[in-house]
Protein backbone atom coordinates (compact mmCIF):
# COMPACT_ATOMS: atom_id res chain seq x y z
CA MET A 1 -56.44 -54.23 19.68
CA VAL A 2 -54.25 -57.33 19.69
CA ARG A 3 -52.84 -58.25 23.10
CA THR A 4 -49.50 -60.04 23.23
CA PRO A 5 -46.94 -60.39 26.01
CA TYR A 6 -44.23 -57.75 25.92
CA PRO A 7 -40.90 -59.11 27.13
CA ASP A 8 -38.76 -56.62 29.01
CA ASN A 9 -35.95 -56.69 26.46
CA PHE A 10 -35.76 -53.04 25.46
CA ASP A 11 -32.02 -52.97 26.14
CA GLU A 12 -31.53 -55.46 23.29
CA LEU A 13 -33.44 -53.25 20.87
CA LYS A 14 -31.65 -50.13 22.06
CA ARG A 15 -28.28 -51.82 21.54
CA GLU A 16 -29.20 -52.65 17.92
CA VAL A 17 -30.27 -49.07 17.25
CA ARG A 18 -27.19 -47.61 18.91
CA GLU A 19 -24.80 -49.93 17.08
CA ALA A 20 -26.39 -48.80 13.81
CA GLY A 21 -25.36 -45.25 14.74
CA LEU A 22 -28.96 -44.00 14.76
CA LEU A 23 -28.92 -42.41 18.21
CA LYS A 24 -26.08 -40.01 17.42
CA ARG A 25 -27.06 -36.34 17.52
CA VAL A 26 -27.03 -34.43 14.23
CA PRO A 27 -25.81 -30.89 14.99
CA VAL A 28 -24.75 -30.16 11.41
CA ARG A 29 -27.89 -31.41 9.72
CA GLY A 30 -30.05 -29.78 12.37
CA THR A 31 -28.24 -26.48 11.92
CA VAL A 32 -28.74 -26.64 8.16
CA GLU A 33 -32.50 -27.04 8.64
CA MET A 34 -32.65 -24.21 11.18
CA VAL A 35 -30.70 -21.86 8.91
CA GLY A 36 -32.85 -22.90 5.95
CA ILE A 37 -36.02 -21.88 7.77
CA ILE A 38 -34.59 -18.49 8.73
CA ILE A 39 -33.28 -17.81 5.21
CA SER A 40 -36.67 -18.76 3.74
CA LEU A 41 -38.39 -16.27 6.03
CA ILE A 42 -35.90 -13.54 5.16
CA ILE A 43 -36.50 -14.10 1.43
CA ILE A 44 -40.28 -14.01 1.87
CA PHE A 45 -40.26 -10.88 4.01
CA SER A 46 -37.87 -9.18 1.59
CA THR A 47 -40.33 -9.75 -1.27
CA LEU A 48 -43.68 -9.29 0.48
CA GLN A 49 -44.98 -6.77 -2.05
CA TYR A 50 -44.76 -9.36 -4.83
CA TRP A 51 -46.75 -12.08 -3.06
CA ASN A 52 -50.34 -13.09 -3.66
CA PRO A 53 -51.88 -13.16 -0.13
CA VAL A 54 -53.22 -16.71 -0.50
CA LEU A 55 -49.89 -18.05 -1.72
CA LEU A 56 -48.13 -16.10 1.03
CA GLY A 57 -50.35 -17.75 3.64
CA LEU A 58 -49.58 -21.18 2.23
CA ALA A 59 -45.84 -20.45 2.13
CA LEU A 60 -45.93 -19.34 5.76
CA THR A 61 -47.77 -22.55 6.64
CA ILE A 62 -45.01 -24.69 5.15
CA ILE A 63 -42.31 -22.72 6.95
CA SER A 64 -44.22 -22.70 10.24
CA THR A 65 -44.84 -26.44 10.25
CA ARG A 66 -41.11 -26.90 9.70
CA ALA A 67 -40.49 -24.54 12.61
CA VAL A 68 -42.81 -26.62 14.82
CA PHE A 69 -40.99 -29.84 13.97
CA VAL A 70 -37.56 -28.25 14.38
CA SER A 71 -38.48 -26.78 17.75
CA HIS A 72 -39.86 -30.18 18.80
CA ASP A 73 -36.63 -31.91 17.78
CA ILE A 74 -34.37 -29.31 19.40
CA LEU A 75 -36.20 -29.63 22.71
CA HIS A 76 -35.76 -33.41 22.55
CA LEU A 77 -32.00 -32.76 22.36
CA GLN A 78 -31.76 -34.42 18.95
CA TYR A 79 -29.34 -31.77 17.66
CA PHE A 80 -27.30 -30.71 20.70
CA LYS A 81 -26.61 -32.34 24.07
CA SER A 82 -26.91 -29.15 26.10
CA LYS A 83 -30.46 -28.53 27.39
CA LYS A 84 -29.67 -24.87 28.03
CA LEU A 85 -28.35 -24.32 24.50
CA SER A 86 -31.25 -26.23 22.98
CA PHE A 87 -33.79 -24.08 24.80
CA LYS A 88 -32.13 -20.90 23.54
CA LEU A 89 -32.02 -22.20 19.97
CA SER A 90 -35.69 -23.17 20.10
CA TYR A 91 -36.90 -19.63 20.88
CA PRO A 92 -36.66 -18.20 17.35
CA PHE A 93 -38.77 -21.09 16.04
CA SER A 94 -41.26 -21.44 18.89
CA ALA A 95 -41.58 -17.96 20.40
CA ILE A 96 -40.92 -15.62 17.47
CA ILE A 97 -42.12 -17.58 14.44
CA LEU A 98 -45.06 -19.27 16.23
CA SER A 99 -45.70 -17.27 19.44
CA ASN A 100 -45.54 -20.59 21.29
CA SER A 101 -43.76 -21.33 24.54
CA SER A 102 -40.83 -23.74 24.56
CA SER A 103 -41.21 -24.07 28.33
CA TRP A 104 -44.87 -25.03 28.01
CA TRP A 105 -44.12 -27.58 25.30
CA ASP A 106 -41.21 -29.08 27.22
CA TYR A 107 -43.35 -29.51 30.35
CA LYS A 108 -46.51 -30.71 28.60
CA HIS A 109 -44.90 -32.88 25.95
CA ASN A 110 -41.40 -33.93 26.97
CA ILE A 111 -41.90 -34.32 30.72
CA ASN A 112 -45.52 -35.43 31.09
CA HIS A 113 -46.58 -36.95 27.80
CA HIS A 114 -43.44 -38.95 26.98
CA THR A 115 -42.94 -40.15 30.55
CA TYR A 116 -46.59 -41.09 31.10
CA CYS A 117 -47.75 -41.94 27.59
CA ASN A 118 -51.53 -42.55 27.62
CA ILE A 119 -51.67 -42.78 31.41
CA ILE A 120 -54.97 -41.04 31.98
CA GLU A 121 -54.21 -39.26 35.25
CA LYS A 122 -50.85 -37.93 33.99
CA ASP A 123 -51.05 -37.41 30.22
CA GLU A 124 -53.33 -34.47 29.50
CA ASP A 125 -53.23 -35.12 25.75
CA ILE A 126 -55.34 -38.26 26.14
CA ARG A 127 -57.97 -36.36 28.16
CA ALA A 128 -59.04 -34.26 25.17
CA LEU A 129 -62.74 -33.64 24.59
CA ASP A 130 -63.89 -34.33 28.15
CA GLY A 131 -62.00 -37.62 28.29
CA ALA A 132 -63.73 -39.04 25.21
CA PHE A 133 -60.67 -41.18 24.39
CA THR A 134 -60.04 -42.50 27.90
CA ASN A 135 -62.35 -45.07 29.54
CA ASP A 136 -65.74 -45.28 31.23
CA LYS A 137 -64.33 -44.15 34.56
CA HIS A 138 -62.76 -40.95 33.22
CA ARG A 139 -65.13 -39.89 30.45
CA GLY A 140 -67.20 -36.83 31.21
CA ASP A 141 -70.95 -36.61 30.96
CA SER A 142 -71.50 -33.44 28.93
CA GLU A 143 -74.73 -33.93 27.00
CA PHE A 144 -73.72 -31.19 24.58
CA LEU A 145 -70.39 -32.86 23.74
CA LYS A 146 -72.00 -36.28 23.48
CA LYS A 147 -74.49 -34.91 20.95
CA TYR A 148 -72.05 -32.81 18.91
CA LYS A 149 -68.80 -34.68 19.58
CA HIS A 150 -67.92 -35.23 15.92
CA ILE A 151 -68.51 -31.60 14.98
CA VAL A 152 -66.59 -30.33 18.01
CA PHE A 153 -63.65 -32.72 17.68
CA TRP A 154 -63.09 -32.57 13.93
CA GLY A 155 -63.93 -28.87 13.83
CA ALA A 156 -61.36 -28.16 16.53
CA MET A 157 -58.66 -29.38 14.13
CA PHE A 158 -58.93 -26.03 12.35
CA PHE A 159 -58.15 -24.04 15.51
CA MET A 160 -55.10 -25.93 16.78
CA ASN A 161 -52.72 -23.01 16.26
CA PHE A 162 -54.92 -20.69 18.33
CA ALA A 163 -55.18 -23.35 21.07
CA PHE A 164 -51.39 -23.70 21.23
CA ILE A 165 -50.99 -19.93 21.53
CA VAL A 166 -53.58 -19.65 24.32
CA GLN A 167 -52.07 -22.55 26.27
CA SER A 168 -48.57 -21.10 25.81
CA TYR A 169 -49.56 -17.68 27.16
CA ASN A 170 -51.43 -19.20 30.10
CA PHE A 171 -48.37 -21.27 31.00
CA VAL A 172 -45.75 -18.52 30.86
CA ILE A 173 -47.94 -16.04 32.72
CA LYS A 174 -48.73 -18.52 35.50
CA ARG A 175 -45.04 -19.47 35.75
CA LYS A 176 -43.97 -15.79 35.49
CA LEU A 177 -41.61 -16.52 32.61
CA TRP A 178 -41.48 -12.88 31.58
CA GLY A 179 -38.45 -13.16 29.29
CA GLU A 180 -40.07 -15.88 27.23
CA LEU A 181 -43.34 -13.95 27.21
CA ALA A 182 -41.51 -10.95 25.76
CA LEU A 183 -40.10 -13.10 22.96
CA MET A 184 -43.56 -14.53 22.25
CA LEU A 185 -45.03 -11.03 22.05
CA LEU A 186 -42.38 -10.06 19.49
CA HIS A 187 -44.08 -12.50 17.10
CA TRP A 188 -46.94 -10.08 16.47
CA PRO A 189 -45.04 -6.97 15.33
CA ILE A 190 -42.24 -8.90 13.61
CA ILE A 191 -44.40 -11.35 11.65
CA TRP A 192 -47.91 -9.95 11.38
CA GLY A 193 -47.09 -6.28 11.87
CA THR A 194 -44.70 -6.47 8.93
CA ILE A 195 -47.21 -8.35 6.76
CA PHE A 196 -50.13 -6.00 7.44
CA TYR A 197 -47.92 -2.93 6.96
CA ASN A 198 -46.67 -4.11 3.56
CA LEU A 199 -49.83 -5.77 2.23
CA GLY A 200 -52.51 -3.56 3.75
CA PHE A 201 -55.36 -4.67 5.97
CA GLU A 202 -57.41 -6.67 3.45
CA ASN A 203 -54.56 -8.70 1.97
CA GLY A 204 -52.96 -9.05 5.39
CA LEU A 205 -56.21 -10.47 6.78
CA ILE A 206 -56.47 -12.93 3.87
CA THR A 207 -52.92 -14.09 4.57
CA PHE A 208 -53.65 -14.42 8.29
CA LEU A 209 -56.80 -16.50 7.72
CA VAL A 210 -55.26 -18.73 5.04
CA PHE A 211 -52.25 -19.34 7.26
CA ASN A 212 -54.16 -20.18 10.44
CA PHE A 213 -56.73 -22.41 8.77
CA THR A 214 -54.10 -24.43 6.94
CA VAL A 215 -51.36 -24.66 9.57
CA SER A 216 -53.87 -25.74 12.23
CA PRO A 217 -55.26 -28.82 10.44
CA TRP A 218 -51.82 -29.77 9.13
CA LEU A 219 -50.49 -29.97 12.68
CA ALA A 220 -53.67 -31.29 14.27
CA PHE A 221 -54.27 -34.10 11.80
CA GLY A 222 -50.65 -35.08 12.35
CA PHE A 223 -50.75 -35.02 16.15
CA ILE A 224 -54.01 -36.93 16.61
CA THR A 225 -52.73 -40.03 14.80
CA ASN A 226 -50.04 -40.51 17.43
CA HIS A 227 -52.00 -41.87 20.40
CA LEU A 228 -55.76 -41.37 20.13
CA GLY A 229 -57.51 -44.71 19.70
CA CYS A 230 -54.55 -46.57 21.23
CA ASP A 231 -54.48 -48.36 24.60
CA VAL A 232 -54.96 -46.16 27.66
CA PHE A 233 -53.99 -47.00 31.22
CA GLU A 234 -54.94 -46.19 34.77
CA GLU A 235 -51.95 -44.81 36.68
CA GLU A 236 -51.43 -47.93 38.79
CA GLU A 237 -51.58 -50.16 35.71
CA GLY A 238 -49.21 -47.93 33.77
CA LYS A 239 -46.62 -47.99 36.54
CA LYS A 240 -46.38 -51.78 36.24
CA LEU A 241 -45.56 -51.71 32.52
CA SER A 242 -42.04 -51.68 31.16
CA TRP A 243 -40.87 -48.66 29.19
CA MET A 244 -41.17 -50.55 25.92
CA GLU A 245 -44.65 -51.89 26.56
CA LEU A 246 -46.02 -48.53 27.71
CA GLN A 247 -44.68 -46.71 24.68
CA MET A 248 -45.56 -49.36 22.10
CA ARG A 249 -49.09 -50.03 23.32
CA GLY A 250 -49.85 -46.34 23.72
CA SER A 251 -48.54 -45.25 20.30
CA ARG A 252 -49.41 -45.74 16.65
CA SER A 253 -47.01 -45.50 13.70
CA LEU A 254 -48.09 -44.80 10.12
CA THR A 255 -47.13 -46.52 6.91
CA GLY A 256 -45.64 -44.50 4.08
CA GLY A 257 -42.31 -43.43 2.68
CA LYS A 258 -40.26 -40.27 2.72
CA PHE A 259 -43.09 -37.90 1.77
CA ILE A 260 -45.24 -39.10 4.67
CA HIS A 261 -42.20 -38.75 6.93
CA TRP A 262 -41.70 -35.16 5.74
CA PHE A 263 -45.39 -34.26 5.93
CA TYR A 264 -45.82 -35.59 9.48
CA GLY A 265 -42.45 -34.26 10.62
CA GLY A 266 -41.30 -37.69 11.74
CA LEU A 267 -44.35 -38.15 13.97
CA ASN A 268 -45.49 -40.90 11.60
CA THR A 269 -42.79 -43.04 13.28
CA GLN A 270 -44.42 -42.39 16.64
CA ILE A 271 -43.55 -45.72 18.24
CA GLU A 272 -39.87 -45.21 17.45
CA HIS A 273 -39.98 -41.58 18.58
CA HIS A 274 -41.42 -42.61 21.92
CA LEU A 275 -38.96 -45.44 22.40
CA PHE A 276 -36.04 -43.20 21.43
CA PRO A 277 -37.08 -39.54 21.86
CA LYS A 278 -33.52 -38.32 21.35
CA ALA A 279 -33.10 -40.22 18.07
CA PRO A 280 -32.94 -37.61 15.30
CA ARG A 281 -36.00 -37.36 13.08
CA PHE A 282 -33.74 -37.90 10.08
CA ASN A 283 -32.93 -41.42 11.36
CA LEU A 284 -36.37 -42.57 12.44
CA LEU A 285 -37.31 -44.46 9.26
CA LYS A 286 -34.20 -46.60 9.75
CA VAL A 287 -35.01 -46.98 13.44
CA GLN A 288 -38.50 -48.07 12.41
CA GLU A 289 -37.13 -50.83 10.21
CA ILE A 290 -35.03 -52.20 13.07
CA THR A 291 -37.94 -51.92 15.54
CA LYS A 292 -40.42 -53.70 13.26
CA ASN A 293 -37.97 -56.53 12.64
CA PHE A 294 -37.31 -56.76 16.37
CA ALA A 295 -41.03 -56.91 17.13
CA LYS A 296 -41.52 -59.63 14.53
CA ARG A 297 -38.68 -61.75 15.94
CA HIS A 298 -40.08 -61.54 19.46
CA ASN A 299 -43.76 -61.82 18.50
CA ILE A 300 -44.50 -58.31 19.84
CA PHE A 301 -47.56 -56.50 18.50
CA TYR A 302 -46.52 -53.47 16.46
CA PHE A 303 -49.38 -51.00 15.93
CA GLU A 304 -49.09 -49.52 12.44
CA THR A 305 -51.80 -48.28 10.06
CA THR A 306 -52.18 -46.04 7.04
CA PRO A 307 -53.01 -42.41 7.84
CA LEU A 308 -56.58 -42.94 6.61
CA GLN A 309 -57.01 -46.01 8.81
CA ALA A 310 -55.77 -44.01 11.78
CA TYR A 311 -58.44 -41.35 11.28
CA ILE A 312 -61.12 -44.03 10.93
CA GLN A 313 -59.93 -45.68 14.15
CA ILE A 314 -59.97 -42.34 15.95
CA ASN A 315 -63.51 -41.68 14.77
CA GLU A 316 -64.57 -45.14 15.94
CA ALA A 317 -63.03 -44.49 19.36
CA LEU A 318 -64.90 -41.18 19.49
CA LYS A 319 -68.21 -42.97 18.97
CA VAL A 320 -67.80 -44.76 22.31
CA TYR A 321 -68.33 -41.43 24.10
CA LYS A 322 -72.12 -41.46 24.39
């Protein structure tokens, strides 16, 4: 990767973005999206008997990916300033629709990952697959994983939803977050209990399988482009970097227009999201334009690829684990 000096002038960039009005929260637009998801679910569950199970699974995938992105944005306080209110509003989308824990995501993603982006000792995301994407010091020595790394890594993309659920339950049980656990458990009778009751076991199972093996790769193939194959840092090295350098060197943005932005839930503008985590997803394409122009003016390396190039780079980084 290209190495260029990163001046500590983030305040200048932030001032440009703020003056453009792109850091303002969007309570109305966020509320419209939240209500739209809930209404869509109500319509689907009111007409379950008319749905083909495959199409139903695909429809639930679209709604659930939206719920993931909305929950992510709410917990970043992009809609409302109040952390307490934002947590409460995230529960229908994380706990009930997805059976995921908002508390787990906030701790894992907002606190650790964003603060310590690609710092090996702190950011557990970069330690995936026995540290395959870290460095020689932190990579594991599993002969099985070294031999079957491509099958294990790319195959795991189809089980992301199950992994999120398992990690969520482990977190809330260890932290004794019984209220949130109760909400997460409601997911099963409300969502899948209703579907199996109305469609019967066979069609309900088809819906369940179609949903899980489409929502998982959709989310996984989106998440992995964000940081895997980017620079990684030892903790002492990372502490010496400015906020801007840490986030820009440890993140990758993707080219593409509005469809890519919708498909990746704004995570395609990963550099901008990490520089300004509270900037609403709806504004990130405009933030990206300002950031790229800023980087060009100051001769700062801006890491951007097509989605396909990102996957190729990730696969190349994976090959180093041997």
